[in-house]
Amino acid sequence: MQDTTRKVEEVGIVTDFFSHVSVAAIQLTGSLKVGDTILIQGHTTSVEQVVDSMQIEKQSVQEAKAGDNIGIKVSERVRKHDKVLKAI
C-alpha cells in the first residue's frame, strides 16, 4: 500500500517505451539523479522504483536536469504521456 501523504513533484513525461529492453524514454521537466525514487503514473500505469541508472545519448550519467531526454530501465511496462514523479 502506498503512503498517500508522501510528497512528490513532477519531473518529466514518458515519450517512448522500448519493450524489448524495458527502457522508458523520458523528457525531464525537473532534475533527477541515480538513487532517486520515482513514480510513473498514467491511466493504466502505476510503477514505483529507484533509479538505478540512466543514460543520455547512450552515455551513462549520474544526474540530469530539466530539458534533458533520458533513458532509464523500468521494472514494468509504461506508456507514452505517463507522468514521472519524484518522491521528495
Foldseek 3Di string as FASTA:
>chain_A
DDDPVFDKDWFWFFADADVVQQKTKTQTQAKDFQQWWKWWDDPPGTFIDGFNWKDAPPHTDGMDGHGGIIMTHGPDDDDGGTIMMTTD
